[in-house]
């Protein structure tokens, strides 16, 4: 059986960016499924890794990123998914959770061979991260109700690419079994 990790992508967000108004309704809709996944992963001792932009603040660490997000426009979207004391954290600068981050090394050290990707944005960071996981021979699971999009049509295409091009599984969050 595969050893999984839950990866929470870019959920520590101040929603002060250009596409935020398009993104916020989708994040609000996905939030209950993301919160449920986090709770179930933590209860099952599944590693939880936050992979988050630092928004160009290169002296920041995860606590500062969380504080910035909580003081942003939509703290109600951040507080329910805040990292706990056991959460792992990787700062990323680009779309993929792997690009110039130590994530691959971390996953190898944890002996993880399957990623459950949740967070935002489906047609950007989730898609690119799924592709990078696939080329590293990691299994990919994307719970469709636990990812948020800016453009629904592109998000649907991205999820189809995960299934068809990468052999990933697109499921409901409730169907992710730890």
Protein backbone atom coordinates (compact mmCIF):
# COMPACT_ATOMS: atom_id res chain seq x y z
CA UNK A 1 0.00 0.00 0.00
CA UNK A 2 1.24 3.49 -0.87
CA UNK A 3 2.41 5.80 1.88
CA UNK A 4 0.64 9.10 1.34
CA UNK A 5 1.20 12.69 2.38
CA UNK A 6 -1.34 15.48 2.24
CA UNK A 7 0.06 18.59 0.56
CA UNK A 8 -1.75 21.86 1.21
CA UNK A 9 -0.89 24.27 -1.60
CA UNK A 10 -0.99 28.06 -1.16
CA UNK A 11 -3.84 28.17 1.33
CA UNK A 12 -1.99 30.72 3.48
CA UNK A 13 -2.99 33.60 1.28
CA UNK A 14 -3.78 37.26 1.97
CA UNK A 15 -6.09 37.43 -1.07
CA UNK A 16 -4.70 40.81 -2.03
CA UNK A 17 -3.67 39.68 -5.52
CA UNK A 18 -5.16 40.43 -8.91
CA UNK A 19 -7.29 37.28 -9.32
CA UNK A 20 -8.49 37.09 -5.71
CA UNK A 21 -12.07 38.14 -6.42
CA UNK A 22 -12.42 35.27 -8.89
CA UNK A 23 -10.69 32.80 -6.54
CA UNK A 24 -12.40 33.53 -3.21
CA UNK A 25 -15.81 31.95 -4.03
CA UNK A 26 -14.13 28.72 -5.10
CA UNK A 27 -11.91 28.66 -1.99
CA UNK A 28 -15.01 29.17 0.17
CA UNK A 29 -16.67 26.22 -1.53
CA UNK A 30 -13.60 23.94 -1.20
CA UNK A 31 -12.80 24.90 2.40
CA UNK A 32 -15.01 22.35 4.21
CA UNK A 33 -13.49 19.46 2.24
CA UNK A 34 -9.96 20.75 2.86
CA UNK A 35 -10.63 21.09 6.59
CA UNK A 36 -12.03 17.54 6.67
CA UNK A 37 -9.00 16.16 4.80
CA UNK A 38 -6.66 17.89 7.25
CA UNK A 39 -8.50 16.52 10.26
CA UNK A 40 -8.59 12.97 8.90
CA UNK A 41 -4.92 13.06 7.81
CA UNK A 42 -3.82 14.34 11.21
CA UNK A 43 -5.91 11.71 13.02
CA UNK A 44 -4.30 8.98 10.89
CA UNK A 45 -0.74 10.33 11.40
CA UNK A 46 -0.42 11.06 7.68
CA UNK A 47 2.28 13.67 7.06
CA UNK A 48 0.81 17.10 6.29
CA UNK A 49 3.02 19.37 4.23
CA UNK A 50 2.19 22.99 3.55
CA UNK A 51 3.76 24.27 0.33
CA UNK A 52 3.20 27.98 0.17
CA UNK A 53 4.34 31.04 -1.71
CA UNK A 54 6.27 33.58 0.31
CA UNK A 55 4.96 36.40 -1.89
CA UNK A 56 8.46 37.67 -2.63
CA UNK A 57 9.30 38.21 1.05
CA UNK A 58 12.57 36.31 1.14
CA UNK A 59 13.21 36.94 4.82
CA UNK A 60 9.91 35.43 5.84
CA UNK A 61 9.30 32.08 7.49
CA UNK A 62 6.12 30.08 7.83
CA UNK A 63 4.95 31.94 10.94
CA UNK A 64 5.27 35.27 9.20
CA UNK A 65 3.49 33.94 6.12
CA UNK A 66 0.64 32.72 8.33
CA UNK A 67 0.46 36.07 10.15
CA UNK A 68 0.38 37.93 6.84
CA UNK A 69 -2.41 35.70 5.54
CA UNK A 70 -4.45 36.05 8.73
CA UNK A 71 -4.19 39.84 8.51
CA UNK A 72 -5.28 39.82 4.86
CA UNK A 73 -8.69 40.30 3.28
CA UNK A 74 -10.12 36.86 4.09
CA UNK A 75 -8.77 35.45 7.35
CA UNK A 76 -11.86 33.27 7.57
CA UNK A 77 -10.41 31.25 4.66
CA UNK A 78 -7.02 30.90 6.36
CA UNK A 79 -7.74 30.24 10.03
CA UNK A 80 -9.52 26.86 9.53
CA UNK A 81 -6.50 25.47 7.63
CA UNK A 82 -3.68 26.88 9.72
CA UNK A 83 -0.72 24.53 10.25
CA UNK A 84 -0.54 22.72 13.56
CA UNK A 85 2.65 21.96 15.50
CA UNK A 86 3.23 18.72 13.57
CA UNK A 87 2.79 20.23 10.10
CA UNK A 88 5.76 20.42 7.78
CA UNK A 89 6.37 23.52 5.69
CA UNK A 90 8.07 24.23 2.36
CA UNK A 91 8.37 27.74 0.97
CA UNK A 92 7.97 27.89 -2.81
CA UNK A 93 8.55 30.73 -5.23
CA UNK A 94 6.92 29.43 -8.38
CA UNK A 95 3.89 27.37 -9.34
CA UNK A 96 5.23 23.88 -8.64
CA UNK A 97 5.69 22.67 -5.08
CA UNK A 98 8.89 20.99 -6.29
CA UNK A 99 10.59 23.79 -8.23
CA UNK A 100 13.77 24.67 -6.32
CA UNK A 101 12.35 23.49 -2.99
CA UNK A 102 13.55 20.66 -0.70
CA UNK A 103 10.22 18.85 -1.05
CA UNK A 104 11.53 15.86 -3.04
CA UNK A 105 14.17 15.24 -0.39
CA UNK A 106 11.61 15.60 2.40
CA UNK A 107 9.24 13.13 0.75
CA UNK A 108 12.03 10.59 0.21
CA UNK A 109 13.04 10.88 3.87
CA UNK A 110 9.43 10.24 4.88
CA UNK A 111 9.24 7.33 2.39
CA UNK A 112 6.18 8.90 0.77
CA UNK A 113 5.21 7.58 -2.65
CA UNK A 114 1.78 9.19 -3.13
CA UNK A 115 0.65 12.79 -2.79
CA UNK A 116 -2.86 14.00 -2.08
CA UNK A 117 -2.88 17.54 -3.44
CA UNK A 118 -5.29 20.09 -2.05
CA UNK A 119 -5.48 23.87 -2.07
CA UNK A 120 -5.22 26.43 -4.82
CA UNK A 121 -5.15 27.10 -7.76
CA UNK A 122 -6.31 23.96 -9.62
CA UNK A 123 -5.35 25.14 -13.10
CA UNK A 124 -2.00 26.54 -11.98
CA UNK A 125 -0.11 25.36 -8.90
CA UNK A 126 -2.07 22.14 -8.39
CA UNK A 127 -1.67 21.11 -12.03
CA UNK A 128 2.06 21.95 -12.23
CA UNK A 129 2.70 20.21 -8.91
CA UNK A 130 0.81 17.12 -10.08
CA UNK A 131 2.92 16.99 -13.22
CA UNK A 132 6.15 17.38 -11.27
CA UNK A 133 5.04 14.63 -8.84
CA UNK A 134 4.21 12.37 -11.78
CA UNK A 135 7.63 12.79 -13.41
CA UNK A 136 9.17 11.89 -10.04
CA UNK A 137 7.19 8.62 -10.08
CA UNK A 138 4.94 9.65 -7.21
CA UNK A 139 1.29 8.74 -7.24
CA UNK A 140 -1.07 11.71 -7.51
CA UNK A 141 -4.52 12.08 -5.99
CA UNK A 142 -6.52 15.28 -6.40
CA UNK A 143 -9.79 15.57 -4.49
CA UNK A 144 -11.85 17.68 -6.89
CA UNK A 145 -13.94 19.20 -4.11
CA UNK A 146 -10.83 20.19 -2.10
CA UNK A 147 -9.12 22.34 -4.72
CA UNK A 148 -10.04 25.88 -5.71
CA UNK A 149 -9.92 27.51 -9.12
CA UNK A 150 -9.94 30.90 -10.78
CA UNK A 151 -11.38 29.66 -14.08
CA UNK A 152 -13.69 26.65 -13.81
CA UNK A 153 -13.23 25.55 -17.43
CA UNK A 154 -9.44 25.50 -17.05
CA UNK A 155 -9.74 23.69 -13.73
CA UNK A 156 -11.85 20.96 -15.33
CA UNK A 157 -9.27 20.63 -18.11
CA UNK A 158 -6.48 20.44 -15.51
CA UNK A 159 -8.23 17.67 -13.60
CA UNK A 160 -8.76 15.77 -16.84
CA UNK A 161 -5.04 16.13 -17.61
CA UNK A 162 -4.20 14.71 -14.18
CA UNK A 163 -6.33 11.65 -14.93
CA UNK A 164 -5.59 11.09 -18.60
CA UNK A 165 -2.02 12.30 -19.04
CA UNK A 166 -0.61 11.41 -15.63
CA UNK A 167 -2.67 8.43 -14.54
CA UNK A 168 -3.60 10.31 -11.38
CA UNK A 169 -6.78 9.79 -9.47
CA UNK A 170 -9.37 12.55 -9.23
CA UNK A 171 -11.75 11.70 -6.42
CA UNK A 172 -14.04 13.26 -3.85
CA UNK A 173 -12.29 14.27 -0.63
CA UNK A 174 -14.52 11.91 1.36
CA UNK A 175 -13.17 9.02 -0.76
CA UNK A 176 -9.53 9.63 0.24
CA UNK A 177 -8.72 6.77 2.60
CA UNK A 178 -5.71 7.11 4.86
